[in-house]
Amino acid sequence: MTKSSLLKVGLAQISPVWLNKEQTREKIKNYIEKAGADKCDLVVFGEALLPGYPFWLGLTHGSDFNSKMQKEIHAHYIRNAIQVEAGELDMLCEAAKQNQVAVYVGIIERAKNRGGHSLYCSLVYINKKGKIKSVHRKLQPTYEERLAWSPGDGNGLKVHSLKEFTVGGLNCWENWMPLPRTALYGLGEDLHIAVYGQDQNETRMTLQGLLPKRPAHLSFLWEI
């Protein structure tokens, strides 16, 4: 077995500084540095980690029409979402470059090319050179997530070469969906990153469905 056939992966199973993008971004940077010190080739962070999952929707009657509280919370969520085009991931890109580690990180994206009004649950891949190589917007938000997140598209369904591996990833419930997985398999994926936001039981169920189908599979979740 050669050195190039081994891939060291760090699983940063951490919580955000909830709905605070500056402090969460700093926390992620610190864990990228730790992964670099541990000689990881790849470090993975969970779904929607930056700045956090919209837990309030299921706990505070998120669908109440014209609710002042819901408007205020959503406005705060928008202010703490990430606009990639504005350089709001530059700190993480520089950390990846300086520490020679690739990164998968889940963000809430405030997309400039959608007017800056729609939010997406996006999975970002940063290579070891500190370059953002893909931003995958979750195709279909699940249940109450649809009150906060917009549906994505297939533009970000990409794979990436990492040593002898071809790595790809999906968000949460997408890992149940046959066609996104088929798209990544068709691109040559042999290491799959499945990121989750909160549900250990869902993670276990997804693994049961995926493990018999692929030779290499990596699952990951974060918790508050």
C-alpha atoms as a PDB file:
ATOM      1  CA  MET A   1       0.000   0.000   0.000  1.00  0.00           C
ATOM      2  CA  THR A   2       1.479   3.322  -1.091  1.00  0.00           C
ATOM      3  CA  LYS A   3       1.237   6.623   0.743  1.00  0.00           C
ATOM      4  CA  SER A   4      -0.899   8.078  -2.061  1.00  0.00           C
ATOM      5  CA  SER A   5      -3.495   5.317  -1.573  1.00  0.00           C
ATOM      6  CA  LEU A   6      -4.104   6.463   2.009  1.00  0.00           C
ATOM      7  CA  LEU A   7      -6.383   9.394   2.745  1.00  0.00           C
ATOM      8  CA  LYS A   8      -6.554  10.832   6.241  1.00  0.00           C
ATOM      9  CA  VAL A   9      -9.929  12.442   6.892  1.00  0.00           C
ATOM     10  CA  GLY A  10     -10.812  14.612   9.876  1.00  0.00           C
ATOM     11  CA  LEU A  11     -14.446  14.757  11.010  1.00  0.00           C
ATOM     12  CA  ALA A  12     -15.015  18.083  12.748  1.00  0.00           C
ATOM     13  CA  GLN A  13     -18.164  17.110  14.601  1.00  0.00           C
ATOM     14  CA  ILE A  14     -18.723  20.515  16.139  1.00  0.00           C
ATOM     15  CA  SER A  15     -21.570  22.906  16.866  1.00  0.00           C
ATOM     16  CA  PRO A  16     -21.696  26.443  15.491  1.00  0.00           C
ATOM     17  CA  VAL A  17     -21.793  29.625  17.476  1.00  0.00           C
ATOM     18  CA  TRP A  18     -25.427  29.550  16.477  1.00  0.00           C
ATOM     19  CA  LEU A  19     -26.507  32.211  13.975  1.00  0.00           C
ATOM     20  CA  ASN A  20     -23.268  34.142  14.400  1.00  0.00           C
ATOM     21  CA  LYS A  21     -21.272  33.872  11.208  1.00  0.00           C
ATOM     22  CA  GLU A  22     -18.188  35.732  12.401  1.00  0.00           C
ATOM     23  CA  GLN A  23     -17.632  33.582  15.475  1.00  0.00           C
ATOM     24  CA  THR A  24     -18.611  30.350  13.697  1.00  0.00           C
ATOM     25  CA  ARG A  25     -16.235  31.132  10.842  1.00  0.00           C
ATOM     26  CA  GLU A  26     -13.412  31.670  13.333  1.00  0.00           C
ATOM     27  CA  LYS A  27     -14.245  28.359  15.016  1.00  0.00           C
ATOM     28  CA  ILE A  28     -14.168  26.525  11.670  1.00  0.00           C
ATOM     29  CA  LYS A  29     -10.816  28.156  10.838  1.00  0.00           C
ATOM     30  CA  ASN A  30      -9.369  26.860  14.118  1.00  0.00           C
ATOM     31  CA  TYR A  31     -10.496  23.325  13.306  1.00  0.00           C
ATOM     32  CA  ILE A  32      -9.001  23.535   9.802  1.00  0.00           C
ATOM     33  CA  GLU A  33      -5.710  24.469  11.445  1.00  0.00           C
ATOM     34  CA  LYS A  34      -6.065  21.547  13.844  1.00  0.00           C
ATOM     35  CA  ALA A  35      -6.737  19.199  10.909  1.00  0.00           C
ATOM     36  CA  GLY A  36      -3.614  20.495   9.211  1.00  0.00           C
ATOM     37  CA  ALA A  37      -1.547  19.931  12.340  1.00  0.00           C
ATOM     38  CA  ASP A  38      -2.895  16.373  12.431  1.00  0.00           C
ATOM     39  CA  LYS A  39      -1.793  15.886   8.787  1.00  0.00           C
ATOM     40  CA  CYS A  40      -5.335  15.379   7.479  1.00  0.00           C
ATOM     41  CA  ASP A  41      -5.858  15.424   3.717  1.00  0.00           C
ATOM     42  CA  LEU A  42      -9.517  16.383   4.119  1.00  0.00           C
ATOM     43  CA  VAL A  43     -11.585  17.836   6.937  1.00  0.00           C
ATOM     44  CA  VAL A  44     -15.396  17.666   6.846  1.00  0.00           C
ATOM     45  CA  PHE A  45     -17.868  19.941   8.617  1.00  0.00           C
ATOM     46  CA  GLY A  46     -21.605  19.343   8.907  1.00  0.00           C
ATOM     47  CA  GLU A  47     -24.676  20.565   7.048  1.00  0.00           C
ATOM     48  CA  ALA A  48     -25.598  24.248   7.496  1.00  0.00           C
ATOM     49  CA  LEU A  49     -22.863  24.678  10.114  1.00  0.00           C
ATOM     50  CA  LEU A  50     -22.130  28.237   9.030  1.00  0.00           C
ATOM     51  CA  PRO A  51     -24.051  29.901  10.663  1.00  0.00           C
ATOM     52  CA  GLY A  52     -26.427  27.145  11.838  1.00  0.00           C
ATOM     53  CA  TYR A  53     -29.532  25.046  11.236  1.00  0.00           C
ATOM     54  CA  PRO A  54     -32.968  26.807  11.465  1.00  0.00           C
ATOM     55  CA  PHE A  55     -34.165  24.885  14.512  1.00  0.00           C
ATOM     56  CA  TRP A  56     -36.607  27.629  15.496  1.00  0.00           C
ATOM     57  CA  LEU A  57     -38.968  26.793  12.605  1.00  0.00           C
ATOM     58  CA  GLY A  58     -40.299  23.633  14.207  1.00  0.00           C
ATOM     59  CA  LEU A  59     -40.381  25.094  17.709  1.00  0.00           C
ATOM     60  CA  THR A  60     -41.942  28.552  17.235  1.00  0.00           C
ATOM     61  CA  HIS A  61     -44.726  28.045  14.657  1.00  0.00           C
ATOM     62  CA  GLY A  62     -42.460  29.017  11.787  1.00  0.00           C
ATOM     63  CA  SER A  63     -45.317  29.023   9.256  1.00  0.00           C
ATOM     64  CA  ASP A  64     -47.388  31.646  11.105  1.00  0.00           C
ATOM     65  CA  PHE A  65     -48.453  34.204   8.525  1.00  0.00           C
ATOM     66  CA  ASN A  66     -47.200  37.766   9.014  1.00  0.00           C
ATOM     67  CA  SER A  67     -45.552  36.952  12.342  1.00  0.00           C
ATOM     68  CA  LYS A  68     -43.321  39.788  13.552  1.00  0.00           C
ATOM     69  CA  MET A  69     -41.098  37.345  15.444  1.00  0.00           C
ATOM     70  CA  GLN A  70     -40.621  35.078  12.412  1.00  0.00           C
ATOM     71  CA  LYS A  71     -39.756  38.067  10.248  1.00  0.00           C
ATOM     72  CA  GLU A  72     -37.154  39.260  12.745  1.00  0.00           C
ATOM     73  CA  ILE A  73     -35.556  35.829  13.107  1.00  0.00           C
ATOM     74  CA  HIS A  74     -35.435  35.299   9.351  1.00  0.00           C
ATOM     75  CA  ALA A  75     -33.913  38.751   8.826  1.00  0.00           C
ATOM     76  CA  HIS A  76     -31.216  37.878  11.364  1.00  0.00           C
ATOM     77  CA  TYR A  77     -30.627  34.569   9.535  1.00  0.00           C
ATOM     78  CA  ILE A  78     -30.206  36.415   6.233  1.00  0.00           C
ATOM     79  CA  ARG A  79     -27.711  38.848   7.799  1.00  0.00           C
ATOM     80  CA  ASN A  80     -25.643  35.922   9.055  1.00  0.00           C
ATOM     81  CA  ALA A  81     -25.794  33.900   5.832  1.00  0.00           C
ATOM     82  CA  ILE A  82     -22.715  33.637   3.609  1.00  0.00           C
ATOM     83  CA  GLN A  83     -22.269  35.375   0.265  1.00  0.00           C
ATOM     84  CA  VAL A  84     -19.458  33.508  -1.446  1.00  0.00           C
ATOM     85  CA  GLU A  85     -19.008  36.177  -4.135  1.00  0.00           C
ATOM     86  CA  ALA A  86     -18.315  38.785  -1.457  1.00  0.00           C
ATOM     87  CA  GLY A  87     -15.310  36.844  -0.174  1.00  0.00           C
ATOM     88  CA  GLU A  88     -16.952  35.694   3.032  1.00  0.00           C
ATOM     89  CA  LEU A  89     -15.179  32.318   2.801  1.00  0.00           C
ATOM     90  CA  ASP A  90     -11.739  33.814   2.076  1.00  0.00           C
ATOM     91  CA  MET A  91     -10.628  33.210   5.669  1.00  0.00           C
ATOM     92  CA  LEU A  92     -11.385  29.508   5.333  1.00  0.00           C
ATOM     93  CA  CYS A  93      -9.777  29.294   1.893  1.00  0.00           C
ATOM     94  CA  GLU A  94      -6.583  30.812   3.255  1.00  0.00           C
ATOM     95  CA  ALA A  95      -6.612  28.391   6.192  1.00  0.00           C
ATOM     96  CA  ALA A  96      -7.013  25.451   3.794  1.00  0.00           C
ATOM     97  CA  LYS A  97      -4.096  26.711   1.688  1.00  0.00           C
ATOM     98  CA  GLN A  98      -1.799  27.417   4.624  1.00  0.00           C
ATOM     99  CA  ASN A  99      -2.504  24.026   6.206  1.00  0.00           C
ATOM    100  CA  GLN A 100      -2.597  22.012   2.966  1.00  0.00           C
ATOM    101  CA  VAL A 101      -5.934  20.397   3.756  1.00  0.00           C
ATOM    102  CA  ALA A 102      -9.072  20.126   1.599  1.00  0.00           C
ATOM    103  CA  VAL A 103     -12.365  21.147   3.199  1.00  0.00           C
ATOM    104  CA  TYR A 104     -16.035  20.263   2.890  1.00  0.00           C
ATOM    105  CA  VAL A 105     -18.182  22.712   4.847  1.00  0.00           C
ATOM    106  CA  GLY A 106     -21.940  23.244   5.029  1.00  0.00           C
ATOM    107  CA  ILE A 107     -23.068  26.857   4.777  1.00  0.00           C
ATOM    108  CA  ILE A 108     -26.240  28.879   4.464  1.00  0.00           C
ATOM    109  CA  GLU A 109     -25.625  30.697   1.205  1.00  0.00           C
ATOM    110  CA  ARG A 110     -27.098  34.094   0.378  1.00  0.00           C
ATOM    111  CA  ALA A 111     -26.601  33.834  -3.348  1.00  0.00           C
ATOM    112  CA  LYS A 112     -25.750  37.043  -5.193  1.00  0.00           C
ATOM    113  CA  ASN A 113     -26.982  35.593  -8.485  1.00  0.00           C
ATOM    114  CA  ARG A 114     -30.400  35.126  -6.902  1.00  0.00           C
ATOM    115  CA  GLY A 115     -30.679  38.756  -5.864  1.00  0.00           C
ATOM    116  CA  GLY A 116     -29.263  38.199  -2.400  1.00  0.00           C
ATOM    117  CA  HIS A 117     -32.726  37.372  -1.085  1.00  0.00           C
ATOM    118  CA  SER A 118     -32.924  33.567  -1.373  1.00  0.00           C
ATOM    119  CA  LEU A 119     -31.073  31.311   1.056  1.00  0.00           C
ATOM    120  CA  TYR A 120     -29.632  27.928   0.118  1.00  0.00           C
ATOM    121  CA  CYS A 121     -28.283  25.074   2.173  1.00  0.00           C
ATOM    122  CA  SER A 122     -24.991  24.666   0.329  1.00  0.00           C
ATOM    123  CA  LEU A 123     -22.076  22.255   0.587  1.00  0.00           C
ATOM    124  CA  VAL A 124     -18.775  23.916  -0.343  1.00  0.00           C
ATOM    125  CA  TYR A 125     -15.585  22.136  -1.384  1.00  0.00           C
ATOM    126  CA  ILE A 126     -12.271  23.971  -0.952  1.00  0.00           C
ATOM    127  CA  ASN A 127      -9.160  22.260  -2.301  1.00  0.00           C
ATOM    128  CA  LYS A 128      -5.707  22.166  -0.733  1.00  0.00           C
ATOM    129  CA  LYS A 129      -4.691  25.239  -2.718  1.00  0.00           C
ATOM    130  CA  GLY A 130      -7.448  27.228  -1.046  1.00  0.00           C
ATOM    131  CA  LYS A 131      -9.669  27.395  -4.123  1.00  0.00           C
ATOM    132  CA  ILE A 132     -13.444  26.933  -3.988  1.00  0.00           C
ATOM    133  CA  LYS A 133     -14.106  24.210  -6.548  1.00  0.00           C
ATOM    134  CA  SER A 134     -17.825  23.607  -6.027  1.00  0.00           C
ATOM    135  CA  VAL A 135     -20.840  25.039  -4.232  1.00  0.00           C
ATOM    136  CA  HIS A 136     -23.688  22.532  -4.218  1.00  0.00           C
ATOM    137  CA  ARG A 137     -27.102  23.933  -3.287  1.00  0.00           C
ATOM    138  CA  LYS A 138     -29.349  21.363  -1.607  1.00  0.00           C
ATOM    139  CA  LEU A 139     -31.766  20.248  -4.303  1.00  0.00           C
ATOM    140  CA  GLN A 140     -34.883  19.995  -2.170  1.00  0.00           C
ATOM    141  CA  PRO A 141     -35.103  21.254   1.410  1.00  0.00           C
ATOM    142  CA  THR A 142     -36.922  18.867   3.743  1.00  0.00           C
ATOM    143  CA  TYR A 143     -40.122  19.567   5.688  1.00  0.00           C
ATOM    144  CA  GLU A 144     -39.926  22.870   7.608  1.00  0.00           C
ATOM    145  CA  GLU A 145     -36.578  23.713   5.983  1.00  0.00           C
ATOM    146  CA  ARG A 146     -38.654  24.943   3.023  1.00  0.00           C
ATOM    147  CA  LEU A 147     -39.775  27.891   5.147  1.00  0.00           C
ATOM    148  CA  ALA A 148     -36.186  29.178   5.192  1.00  0.00           C
ATOM    149  CA  TRP A 149     -34.273  27.571   2.304  1.00  0.00           C
ATOM    150  CA  SER A 150     -34.885  27.741  -1.441  1.00  0.00           C
ATOM    151  CA  PRO A 151     -34.651  24.689  -3.730  1.00  0.00           C
ATOM    152  CA  GLY A 152     -31.270  24.320  -5.386  1.00  0.00           C
ATOM    153  CA  ASP A 153     -30.213  22.860  -8.727  1.00  0.00           C
ATOM    154  CA  GLY A 154     -27.808  20.339 -10.179  1.00  0.00           C
ATOM    155  CA  ASN A 155     -25.122  22.847 -11.148  1.00  0.00           C
ATOM    156  CA  GLY A 156     -23.041  22.034  -8.071  1.00  0.00           C
ATOM    157  CA  LEU A 157     -23.117  18.242  -8.455  1.00  0.00           C
ATOM    158  CA  LYS A 158     -19.370  17.828  -8.958  1.00  0.00           C
ATOM    159  CA  VAL A 159     -16.587  15.511  -7.869  1.00  0.00           C
ATOM    160  CA  HIS A 160     -12.978  16.321  -7.030  1.00  0.00           C
ATOM    161  CA  SER A 161      -9.673  14.497  -7.302  1.00  0.00           C
ATOM    162  CA  LEU A 162      -7.925  14.065  -3.967  1.00  0.00           C
ATOM    163  CA  LYS A 163      -4.795  11.902  -4.097  1.00  0.00           C
ATOM    164  CA  GLU A 164      -5.996   8.577  -5.585  1.00  0.00           C
ATOM    165  CA  PHE A 165      -9.635   9.248  -4.695  1.00  0.00           C
ATOM    166  CA  THR A 166     -12.550  10.983  -6.388  1.00  0.00           C
ATOM    167  CA  VAL A 167     -14.645  12.653  -3.730  1.00  0.00           C
ATOM    168  CA  GLY A 168     -18.183  14.032  -3.872  1.00  0.00           C
ATOM    169  CA  GLY A 169     -20.832  15.003  -1.352  1.00  0.00           C
ATOM    170  CA  LEU A 170     -24.513  15.600  -0.653  1.00  0.00           C
ATOM    171  CA  ASN A 171     -26.606  17.234   2.055  1.00  0.00           C
ATOM    172  CA  CYS A 172     -28.719  15.209   4.465  1.00  0.00           C
ATOM    173  CA  TRP A 173     -31.890  13.854   2.794  1.00  0.00           C
ATOM    174  CA  GLU A 174     -30.265  14.120  -0.641  1.00  0.00           C
ATOM    175  CA  ASN A 175     -28.316  11.021   0.290  1.00  0.00           C
ATOM    176  CA  TRP A 176     -31.615   9.100   0.007  1.00  0.00           C
ATOM    177  CA  MET A 177     -32.260  10.433  -3.501  1.00  0.00           C
ATOM    178  CA  PRO A 178     -31.147   8.013  -6.261  1.00  0.00           C
ATOM    179  CA  LEU A 179     -30.544  10.511  -9.075  1.00  0.00           C
ATOM    180  CA  PRO A 180     -28.103  12.881  -7.306  1.00  0.00           C
ATOM    181  CA  ARG A 181     -26.124   9.856  -6.120  1.00  0.00           C
ATOM    182  CA  THR A 182     -26.210   8.403  -9.639  1.00  0.00           C
ATOM    183  CA  ALA A 183     -24.906  11.700 -11.029  1.00  0.00           C
ATOM    184  CA  LEU A 184     -21.923  11.612  -8.669  1.00  0.00           C
ATOM    185  CA  TYR A 185     -21.293   7.901  -9.287  1.00  0.00           C
ATOM    186  CA  GLY A 186     -21.345   8.614 -13.025  1.00  0.00           C
ATOM    187  CA  LEU A 187     -18.633  11.234 -12.530  1.00  0.00           C
ATOM    188  CA  GLY A 188     -16.401   8.600 -10.946  1.00  0.00           C
ATOM    189  CA  GLU A 189     -17.015   9.207  -7.246  1.00  0.00           C
ATOM    190  CA  ASP A 190     -15.468   6.522  -5.036  1.00  0.00           C
ATOM    191  CA  LEU A 191     -15.542   8.399  -1.723  1.00  0.00           C
ATOM    192  CA  HIS A 192     -18.896   9.879  -0.716  1.00  0.00           C
ATOM    193  CA  ILE A 193     -19.328  12.608   1.896  1.00  0.00           C
ATOM    194  CA  ALA A 194     -22.799  12.660   3.483  1.00  0.00           C
ATOM    195  CA  VAL A 195     -23.323  15.642   5.774  1.00  0.00           C
ATOM    196  CA  TYR A 196     -26.212  16.031   8.206  1.00  0.00           C
ATOM    197  CA  GLY A 197     -27.626  18.713  10.440  1.00  0.00           C
ATOM    198  CA  GLN A 198     -29.135  17.030  13.456  1.00  0.00           C
ATOM    199  CA  ASP A 199     -30.593  13.535  13.207  1.00  0.00           C
ATOM    200  CA  GLN A 200     -28.488  10.517  14.209  1.00  0.00           C
ATOM    201  CA  ASN A 201     -31.321   8.099  13.388  1.00  0.00           C
ATOM    202  CA  GLU A 202     -31.609   9.512   9.866  1.00  0.00           C
ATOM    203  CA  THR A 203     -27.862   9.122   9.461  1.00  0.00           C
ATOM    204  CA  ARG A 204     -28.020   5.462  10.426  1.00  0.00           C
ATOM    205  CA  MET A 205     -30.919   4.798   8.040  1.00  0.00           C
ATOM    206  CA  THR A 206     -29.098   6.450   5.155  1.00  0.00           C
ATOM    207  CA  LEU A 207     -25.983   4.409   5.827  1.00  0.00           C
ATOM    208  CA  GLN A 208     -28.019   1.208   5.705  1.00  0.00           C
ATOM    209  CA  GLY A 209     -29.194   2.176   2.235  1.00  0.00           C
ATOM    210  CA  LEU A 210     -25.834   3.342   0.905  1.00  0.00           C
ATOM    211  CA  LEU A 211     -23.234   0.974   2.267  1.00  0.00           C
ATOM    212  CA  PRO A 212     -24.248  -2.063   0.178  1.00  0.00           C
ATOM    213  CA  LYS A 213     -24.087   0.059  -2.985  1.00  0.00           C
ATOM    214  CA  ARG A 214     -20.674   1.703  -2.828  1.00  0.00           C
ATOM    215  CA  PRO A 215     -17.199   0.450  -1.890  1.00  0.00           C
ATOM    216  CA  ALA A 216     -16.238   3.614  -0.006  1.00  0.00           C
ATOM    217  CA  HIS A 217     -18.574   5.803   1.986  1.00  0.00           C
ATOM    218  CA  LEU A 218     -18.149   8.406   4.687  1.00  0.00           C
ATOM    219  CA  SER A 219     -20.999   9.802   6.761  1.00  0.00           C
ATOM    220  CA  PHE A 220     -20.945  12.820   9.018  1.00  0.00           C
ATOM    221  CA  LEU A 221     -23.245  14.891  11.212  1.00  0.00           C
ATOM    222  CA  TRP A 222     -23.018  17.751  13.672  1.00  0.00           C
ATOM    223  CA  GLU A 223     -25.093  18.433  16.736  1.00  0.00           C
ATOM    224  CA  ILE A 224     -26.011  21.330  19.013  1.00  0.00           C
END
